[in-house]
Amino acid sequence: MLVDDKNKKCLFYGSTLQKSIRQNPSCTTIEAAKLVGEELVKACNDLNINEISSYDRNGFACGERMQAFEIAISRHGFLPR
């Protein structure tokens, strides 16, 4: 989720379970996580957002899916590496 805390609005929501993300039946959850990250970057670009002030994994460990998501968004400068 991409949330605007000031205005209390959800600006973007993405999930590896969304049909729009997993259009291809052979898409793995790792590939889907990468696509969610790319969709988040597109949403940020559309909304003229160039930095994310905080990032929370919601308690999820940094497994392969989270790494794929983080790599996708860090390529565009949203996460410091």
PDB file of N, CA and C in Angstrom:
ATOM      1  N   MET A   1       0.837  -1.180   0.000  1.00  0.00           N
ATOM      2  CA  MET A   1       0.000   0.000   0.000  1.00  0.00           C
ATOM      3  C   MET A   1       0.882   1.243   0.000  1.00  0.00           C
ATOM      4  N   LEU A   2       0.418   2.227  -0.706  1.00  0.00           N
ATOM      5  CA  LEU A   2       1.036   3.546  -0.681  1.00  0.00           C
ATOM      6  C   LEU A   2      -0.006   4.453  -0.057  1.00  0.00           C
ATOM      7  N   VAL A   3       0.330   5.012   1.111  1.00  0.00           N
ATOM      8  CA  VAL A   3      -0.643   5.769   1.893  1.00  0.00           C
ATOM      9  C   VAL A   3      -0.181   7.204   2.079  1.00  0.00           C
ATOM     10  N   ASP A   4      -1.109   8.130   1.904  1.00  0.00           N
ATOM     11  CA  ASP A   4      -0.879   9.535   2.219  1.00  0.00           C
ATOM     12  C   ASP A   4      -1.394   9.742   3.642  1.00  0.00           C
ATOM     13  N   ASP A   5      -0.473   9.813   4.613  1.00  0.00           N
ATOM     14  CA  ASP A   5      -0.859   9.922   6.015  1.00  0.00           C
ATOM     15  C   ASP A   5      -1.530  11.253   6.341  1.00  0.00           C
ATOM     16  N   LYS A   6      -1.110  12.310   5.675  1.00  0.00           N
ATOM     17  CA  LYS A   6      -1.706  13.617   5.940  1.00  0.00           C
ATOM     18  C   LYS A   6      -3.200  13.628   5.625  1.00  0.00           C
ATOM     19  N   ASN A   7      -3.540  13.131   4.449  1.00  0.00           N
ATOM     20  CA  ASN A   7      -4.930  13.150   4.001  1.00  0.00           C
ATOM     21  C   ASN A   7      -5.667  11.850   4.290  1.00  0.00           C
ATOM     22  N   LYS A   8      -4.971  10.901   4.908  1.00  0.00           N
ATOM     23  CA  LYS A   8      -5.544   9.603   5.267  1.00  0.00           C
ATOM     24  C   LYS A   8      -6.209   8.918   4.068  1.00  0.00           C
ATOM     25  N   LYS A   9      -5.405   8.785   2.992  1.00  0.00           N
ATOM     26  CA  LYS A   9      -5.889   8.163   1.765  1.00  0.00           C
ATOM     27  C   LYS A   9      -4.933   7.075   1.307  1.00  0.00           C
ATOM     28  N   CYS A  10      -5.496   6.012   0.785  1.00  0.00           N
ATOM     29  CA  CYS A  10      -4.704   4.966   0.141  1.00  0.00           C
ATOM     30  C   CYS A  10      -4.521   5.379  -1.316  1.00  0.00           C
ATOM     31  N   LEU A  11      -3.270   5.565  -1.729  1.00  0.00           N
ATOM     32  CA  LEU A  11      -2.972   6.007  -3.087  1.00  0.00           C
ATOM     33  C   LEU A  11      -2.723   4.843  -4.040  1.00  0.00           C
ATOM     34  N   PHE A  12      -2.274   3.724  -3.490  1.00  0.00           N
ATOM     35  CA  PHE A  12      -1.991   2.536  -4.304  1.00  0.00           C
ATOM     36  C   PHE A  12      -2.097   1.304  -3.431  1.00  0.00           C
ATOM     37  N   TYR A  13      -2.661   0.257  -3.988  1.00  0.00           N
ATOM     38  CA  TYR A  13      -2.700  -1.038  -3.333  1.00  0.00           C
ATOM     39  C   TYR A  13      -2.319  -2.083  -4.366  1.00  0.00           C
ATOM     40  N   GLY A  14      -1.415  -2.954  -4.006  1.00  0.00           N
ATOM     41  CA  GLY A  14      -1.018  -4.032  -4.899  1.00  0.00           C
ATOM     42  C   GLY A  14      -0.811  -5.312  -4.123  1.00  0.00           C
ATOM     43  N   SER A  15      -1.146  -6.424  -4.755  1.00  0.00           N
ATOM     44  CA  SER A  15      -1.003  -7.732  -4.125  1.00  0.00           C
ATOM     45  C   SER A  15      -0.611  -8.763  -5.170  1.00  0.00           C
ATOM     46  N   THR A  16       0.135  -9.755  -4.744  1.00  0.00           N
ATOM     47  CA  THR A  16       0.510 -10.839  -5.661  1.00  0.00           C
ATOM     48  C   THR A  16      -0.704 -11.706  -6.001  1.00  0.00           C
ATOM     49  N   LEU A  17      -1.812 -11.518  -5.312  1.00  0.00           N
ATOM     50  CA  LEU A  17      -3.026 -12.294  -5.570  1.00  0.00           C
ATOM     51  C   LEU A  17      -3.957 -11.623  -6.580  1.00  0.00           C
ATOM     52  N   GLN A  18      -3.689 -10.376  -6.952  1.00  0.00           N
ATOM     53  CA  GLN A  18      -4.543  -9.673  -7.893  1.00  0.00           C
ATOM     54  C   GLN A  18      -4.454 -10.297  -9.279  1.00  0.00           C
ATOM     55  N   LYS A  19      -5.609 -10.455  -9.932  1.00  0.00           N
ATOM     56  CA  LYS A  19      -5.626 -11.033 -11.276  1.00  0.00           C
ATOM     57  C   LYS A  19      -4.884 -10.155 -12.269  1.00  0.00           C
ATOM     58  N   SER A  20      -4.943  -8.837 -12.082  1.00  0.00           N
ATOM     59  CA  SER A  20      -4.244  -7.935 -13.003  1.00  0.00           C
ATOM     60  C   SER A  20      -2.723  -8.090 -12.902  1.00  0.00           C
ATOM     61  N   ILE A  21      -2.236  -8.509 -11.756  1.00  0.00           N
ATOM     62  CA  ILE A  21      -0.794  -8.729 -11.562  1.00  0.00           C
ATOM     63  C   ILE A  21      -0.393 -10.101 -12.093  1.00  0.00           C
ATOM     64  N   ARG A  22      -1.200 -11.107 -11.801  1.00  0.00           N
ATOM     65  CA  ARG A  22      -0.860 -12.485 -12.190  1.00  0.00           C
ATOM     66  C   ARG A  22      -1.646 -12.916 -13.413  1.00  0.00           C
ATOM     67  N   GLN A  23      -1.533 -12.156 -14.487  1.00  0.00           N
ATOM     68  CA  GLN A  23      -2.272 -12.472 -15.705  1.00  0.00           C
ATOM     69  C   GLN A  23      -1.840 -13.801 -16.299  1.00  0.00           C
ATOM     70  N   ASN A  24      -0.579 -14.078 -16.198  1.00  0.00           N
ATOM     71  CA  ASN A  24      -0.046 -15.308 -16.760  1.00  0.00           C
ATOM     72  C   ASN A  24      -0.148 -16.404 -15.704  1.00  0.00           C
ATOM     73  N   PRO A  25      -0.840 -17.513 -15.988  1.00  0.00           N
ATOM     74  CA  PRO A  25      -0.996 -18.564 -14.975  1.00  0.00           C
ATOM     75  C   PRO A  25       0.319 -19.172 -14.502  1.00  0.00           C
ATOM     76  N   SER A  26       1.365 -19.072 -15.308  1.00  0.00           N
ATOM     77  CA  SER A  26       2.640 -19.658 -14.881  1.00  0.00           C
ATOM     78  C   SER A  26       3.497 -18.661 -14.096  1.00  0.00           C
ATOM     79  N   CYS A  27       2.949 -17.505 -13.769  1.00  0.00           N
ATOM     80  CA  CYS A  27       3.671 -16.481 -13.021  1.00  0.00           C
ATOM     81  C   CYS A  27       3.867 -16.952 -11.576  1.00  0.00           C
ATOM     82  N   THR A  28       5.107 -16.969 -11.124  1.00  0.00           N
ATOM     83  CA  THR A  28       5.389 -17.376  -9.749  1.00  0.00           C
ATOM     84  C   THR A  28       5.092 -16.211  -8.802  1.00  0.00           C
ATOM     85  N   THR A  29       5.033 -16.495  -7.523  1.00  0.00           N
ATOM     86  CA  THR A  29       4.776 -15.431  -6.551  1.00  0.00           C
ATOM     87  C   THR A  29       5.945 -14.450  -6.502  1.00  0.00           C
ATOM     88  N   ILE A  30       7.143 -14.928  -6.785  1.00  0.00           N
ATOM     89  CA  ILE A  30       8.312 -14.044  -6.806  1.00  0.00           C
ATOM     90  C   ILE A  30       8.217 -13.079  -7.993  1.00  0.00           C
ATOM     91  N   GLU A  31       7.824 -13.598  -9.159  1.00  0.00           N
ATOM     92  CA  GLU A  31       7.634 -12.732 -10.328  1.00  0.00           C
ATOM     93  C   GLU A  31       6.491 -11.752 -10.074  1.00  0.00           C
ATOM     94  N   ALA A  32       5.435 -12.208  -9.413  1.00  0.00           N
ATOM     95  CA  ALA A  32       4.298 -11.344  -9.103  1.00  0.00           C
ATOM     96  C   ALA A  32       4.711 -10.237  -8.131  1.00  0.00           C
ATOM     97  N   ALA A  33       5.568 -10.558  -7.162  1.00  0.00           N
ATOM     98  CA  ALA A  33       6.047  -9.546  -6.214  1.00  0.00           C
ATOM     99  C   ALA A  33       6.850  -8.469  -6.942  1.00  0.00           C
ATOM    100  N   LYS A  34       7.643  -8.871  -7.926  1.00  0.00           N
ATOM    101  CA  LYS A  34       8.395  -7.917  -8.722  1.00  0.00           C
ATOM    102  C   LYS A  34       7.434  -7.016  -9.496  1.00  0.00           C
ATOM    103  N   LEU A  35       6.371  -7.603 -10.049  1.00  0.00           N
ATOM    104  CA  LEU A  35       5.377  -6.820 -10.788  1.00  0.00           C
ATOM    105  C   LEU A  35       4.649  -5.833  -9.881  1.00  0.00           C
ATOM    106  N   VAL A  36       4.378  -6.229  -8.641  1.00  0.00           N
ATOM    107  CA  VAL A  36       3.743  -5.316  -7.686  1.00  0.00           C
ATOM    108  C   VAL A  36       4.664  -4.119  -7.446  1.00  0.00           C
ATOM    109  N   GLY A  37       5.948  -4.372  -7.289  1.00  0.00           N
ATOM    110  CA  GLY A  37       6.915  -3.288  -7.111  1.00  0.00           C
ATOM    111  C   GLY A  37       6.949  -2.360  -8.302  1.00  0.00           C
ATOM    112  N   GLU A  38       6.910  -2.918  -9.502  1.00  0.00           N
ATOM    113  CA  GLU A  38       6.916  -2.096 -10.710  1.00  0.00           C
ATOM    114  C   GLU A  38       5.634  -1.274 -10.822  1.00  0.00           C
ATOM    115  N   GLU A  39       4.495  -1.855 -10.438  1.00  0.00           N
ATOM    116  CA  GLU A  39       3.232  -1.120 -10.450  1.00  0.00           C
ATOM    117  C   GLU A  39       3.246   0.006  -9.418  1.00  0.00           C
ATOM    118  N   LEU A  40       3.883  -0.233  -8.276  1.00  0.00           N
ATOM    119  CA  LEU A  40       4.019   0.816  -7.262  1.00  0.00           C
ATOM    120  C   LEU A  40       4.841   1.982  -7.804  1.00  0.00           C
ATOM    121  N   VAL A  41       5.921   1.678  -8.490  1.00  0.00           N
ATOM    122  CA  VAL A  41       6.766   2.723  -9.079  1.00  0.00           C
ATOM    123  C   VAL A  41       5.967   3.514 -10.114  1.00  0.00           C
ATOM    124  N   LYS A  42       5.177   2.828 -10.944  1.00  0.00           N
ATOM    125  CA  LYS A  42       4.342   3.517 -11.936  1.00  0.00           C
ATOM    126  C   LYS A  42       3.348   4.451 -11.250  1.00  0.00           C
ATOM    127  N   ALA A  43       2.729   3.967 -10.174  1.00  0.00           N
ATOM    128  CA  ALA A  43       1.771   4.800  -9.437  1.00  0.00           C
ATOM    129  C   ALA A  43       2.466   6.023  -8.849  1.00  0.00           C
ATOM    130  N   CYS A  44       3.661   5.844  -8.312  1.00  0.00           N
ATOM    131  CA  CYS A  44       4.423   6.975  -7.766  1.00  0.00           C
ATOM    132  C   CYS A  44       4.755   7.982  -8.857  1.00  0.00           C
ATOM    133  N   ASN A  45       5.159   7.502 -10.011  1.00  0.00           N
ATOM    134  CA  ASN A  45       5.477   8.400 -11.118  1.00  0.00           C
ATOM    135  C   ASN A  45       4.235   9.165 -11.566  1.00  0.00           C
ATOM    136  N   ASP A  46       3.091   8.481 -11.652  1.00  0.00           N
ATOM    137  CA  ASP A  46       1.845   9.130 -12.052  1.00  0.00           C
ATOM    138  C   ASP A  46       1.414  10.202 -11.058  1.00  0.00           C
ATOM    139  N   LEU A  47       1.722   9.982  -9.783  1.00  0.00           N
ATOM    140  CA  LEU A  47       1.332  10.916  -8.725  1.00  0.00           C
ATOM    141  C   LEU A  47       2.431  11.931  -8.395  1.00  0.00           C
ATOM    142  N   ASN A  48       3.510  11.917  -9.172  1.00  0.00           N
ATOM    143  CA  ASN A  48       4.660  12.812  -8.957  1.00  0.00           C
ATOM    144  C   ASN A  48       5.267  12.651  -7.561  1.00  0.00           C
ATOM    145  N   ILE A  49       5.382  11.416  -7.122  1.00  0.00           N
ATOM    146  CA  ILE A  49       6.013  11.094  -5.843  1.00  0.00           C
ATOM    147  C   ILE A  49       7.419  10.603  -6.153  1.00  0.00           C
ATOM    148  N   ASN A  50       8.443  11.262  -5.568  1.00  0.00           N
ATOM    149  CA  ASN A  50       9.810  10.835  -5.843  1.00  0.00           C
ATOM    150  C   ASN A  50      10.544  10.303  -4.624  1.00  0.00           C
ATOM    151  N   GLU A  51       9.870  10.190  -3.498  1.00  0.00           N
ATOM    152  CA  GLU A  51      10.503   9.559  -2.341  1.00  0.00           C
ATOM    153  C   GLU A  51       9.429   8.957  -1.432  1.00  0.00           C
ATOM    154  N   ILE A  52       9.818   7.908  -0.763  1.00  0.00           N
ATOM    155  CA  ILE A  52       8.944   7.261   0.204  1.00  0.00           C
ATOM    156  C   ILE A  52       9.539   7.531   1.576  1.00  0.00           C
ATOM    157  N   SER A  53       8.760   8.172   2.458  1.00  0.00           N
ATOM    158  CA  SER A  53       9.319   8.602   3.744  1.00  0.00           C
ATOM    159  C   SER A  53       9.482   7.453   4.733  1.00  0.00           C
ATOM    160  N   SER A  54       8.632   6.452   4.660  1.00  0.00           N
ATOM    161  CA  SER A  54       8.832   5.297   5.534  1.00  0.00           C
ATOM    162  C   SER A  54       8.399   4.038   4.803  1.00  0.00           C
ATOM    163  N   TYR A  55       9.027   2.944   5.174  1.00  0.00           N
ATOM    164  CA  TYR A  55       8.766   1.664   4.540  1.00  0.00           C
ATOM    165  C   TYR A  55       8.635   0.625   5.636  1.00  0.00           C
ATOM    166  N   ASP A  56       7.559  -0.129   5.602  1.00  0.00           N
ATOM    167  CA  ASP A  56       7.301  -1.126   6.633  1.00  0.00           C
ATOM    168  C   ASP A  56       6.908  -2.430   5.959  1.00  0.00           C
ATOM    169  N   ARG A  57       7.553  -3.510   6.333  1.00  0.00           N
ATOM    170  CA  ARG A  57       7.239  -4.826   5.767  1.00  0.00           C
ATOM    171  C   ARG A  57       6.058  -5.488   6.465  1.00  0.00           C
ATOM    172  N   ASN A  58       5.492  -4.820   7.449  1.00  0.00           N
ATOM    173  CA  ASN A  58       4.350  -5.361   8.184  1.00  0.00           C
ATOM    174  C   ASN A  58       4.689  -6.691   8.856  1.00  0.00           C
ATOM    175  N   GLY A  59       5.903  -6.803   9.332  1.00  0.00           N
ATOM    176  CA  GLY A  59       6.310  -8.003  10.053  1.00  0.00           C
ATOM    177  C   GLY A  59       6.803  -9.143   9.190  1.00  0.00           C
ATOM    178  N   PHE A  60       6.726  -8.982   7.864  1.00  0.00           N
ATOM    179  CA  PHE A  60       7.182 -10.051   6.987  1.00  0.00           C
ATOM    180  C   PHE A  60       8.696 -10.100   6.960  1.00  0.00           C
ATOM    181  N   ALA A  61       9.239 -11.305   7.006  1.00  0.00           N
ATOM    182  CA  ALA A  61      10.688 -11.487   6.909  1.00  0.00           C
ATOM    183  C   ALA A  61      11.125 -11.150   5.492  1.00  0.00           C
ATOM    184  N   CYS A  62      12.383 -10.899   5.319  1.00  0.00           N
ATOM    185  CA  CYS A  62      12.899 -10.544   3.995  1.00  0.00           C
ATOM    186  C   CYS A  62      13.193 -11.813   3.204  1.00  0.00           C
ATOM    187  N   GLY A  63      12.135 -12.488   2.798  1.00  0.00           N
ATOM    188  CA  GLY A  63      12.270 -13.688   1.984  1.00  0.00           C
ATOM    189  C   GLY A  63      12.412 -13.324   0.517  1.00  0.00           C
ATOM    190  N   GLU A  64      12.308 -14.321  -0.346  1.00  0.00           N
ATOM    191  CA  GLU A  64      12.515 -14.112  -1.777  1.00  0.00           C
ATOM    192  C   GLU A  64      11.492 -13.153  -2.375  1.00  0.00           C
ATOM    193  N   ARG A  65      10.218 -13.248  -1.954  1.00  0.00           N
ATOM    194  CA  ARG A  65       9.200 -12.348  -2.494  1.00  0.00           C
ATOM    195  C   ARG A  65       9.462 -10.908  -2.095  1.00  0.00           C
ATOM    196  N   MET A  66       9.797 -10.688  -0.820  1.00  0.00           N
ATOM    197  CA  MET A  66      10.069  -9.325  -0.359  1.00  0.00           C
ATOM    198  C   MET A  66      11.318  -8.777  -1.035  1.00  0.00           C
ATOM    199  N   GLN A  67      12.314  -9.615  -1.235  1.00  0.00           N
ATOM    200  CA  GLN A  67      13.530  -9.165  -1.914  1.00  0.00           C
ATOM    201  C   GLN A  67      13.224  -8.768  -3.351  1.00  0.00           C
ATOM    202  N   ALA A  68      12.396  -9.548  -4.047  1.00  0.00           N
ATOM    203  CA  ALA A  68      12.031  -9.227  -5.433  1.00  0.00           C
ATOM    204  C   ALA A  68      11.295  -7.888  -5.485  1.00  0.00           C
ATOM    205  N   PHE A  69      10.384  -7.665  -4.541  1.00  0.00           N
ATOM    206  CA  PHE A  69       9.648  -6.403  -4.469  1.00  0.00           C
ATOM    207  C   PHE A  69      10.606  -5.250  -4.188  1.00  0.00           C
ATOM    208  N   GLU A  70      11.477  -5.421  -3.200  1.00  0.00           N
ATOM    209  CA  GLU A  70      12.406  -4.361  -2.816  1.00  0.00           C
ATOM    210  C   GLU A  70      13.402  -4.035  -3.923  1.00  0.00           C
ATOM    211  N   ILE A  71      13.859  -5.025  -4.643  1.00  0.00           N
ATOM    212  CA  ILE A  71      14.775  -4.783  -5.759  1.00  0.00           C
ATOM    213  C   ILE A  71      14.068  -3.982  -6.840  1.00  0.00           C
ATOM    214  N   ALA A  72      12.808  -4.325  -7.127  1.00  0.00           N
ATOM    215  CA  ALA A  72      12.056  -3.616  -8.162  1.00  0.00           C
ATOM    216  C   ALA A  72      11.890  -2.137  -7.818  1.00  0.00           C
ATOM    217  N   ILE A  73      11.621  -1.823  -6.546  1.00  0.00           N
ATOM    218  CA  ILE A  73      11.423  -0.408  -6.208  1.00  0.00           C
ATOM    219  C   ILE A  73      12.747   0.316  -5.956  1.00  0.00           C
ATOM    220  N   SER A  74      13.770  -0.411  -5.519  1.00  0.00           N
ATOM    221  CA  SER A  74      15.058   0.252  -5.268  1.00  0.00           C
ATOM    222  C   SER A  74      15.756   0.632  -6.572  1.00  0.00           C
ATOM    223  N   ARG A  75      15.464  -0.060  -7.662  1.00  0.00           N
ATOM    224  CA  ARG A  75      16.045   0.297  -8.962  1.00  0.00           C
ATOM    225  C   ARG A  75      15.650   1.705  -9.388  1.00  0.00           C
ATOM    226  N   HIS A  76      14.542   2.177  -8.861  1.00  0.00           N
ATOM    227  CA  HIS A  76      14.048   3.506  -9.209  1.00  0.00           C
ATOM    228  C   HIS A  76      14.330   4.517  -8.103  1.00  0.00           C
ATOM    229  N   GLY A  77      15.165   4.125  -7.141  1.00  0.00           N
ATOM    230  CA  GLY A  77      15.617   5.056  -6.108  1.00  0.00           C
ATOM    231  C   GLY A  77      14.684   5.224  -4.918  1.00  0.00           C
ATOM    232  N   PHE A  78      13.715   4.326  -4.757  1.00  0.00           N
ATOM    233  CA  PHE A  78      12.789   4.471  -3.646  1.00  0.00           C
ATOM    234  C   PHE A  78      13.279   3.844  -2.337  1.00  0.00           C
ATOM    235  N   LEU A  79      14.228   2.959  -2.418  1.00  0.00           N
ATOM    236  CA  LEU A  79      14.813   2.374  -1.213  1.00  0.00           C
ATOM    237  C   LEU A  79      16.322   2.512  -1.286  1.00  0.00           C
ATOM    238  N   PRO A  80      16.943   3.036  -0.234  1.00  0.00           N
ATOM    239  CA  PRO A  80      18.405   3.105  -0.245  1.00  0.00           C
ATOM    240  C   PRO A  80      18.999   1.704  -0.107  1.00  0.00           C
ATOM    241  N   ARG A  81      19.992   1.414  -0.876  1.00  0.00           N
ATOM    242  CA  ARG A  81      20.664   0.110  -0.803  1.00  0.00           C
ATOM    243  C   ARG A  81      22.044   0.287  -0.248  1.00  0.00           C
TER     244      ARG A  81
END
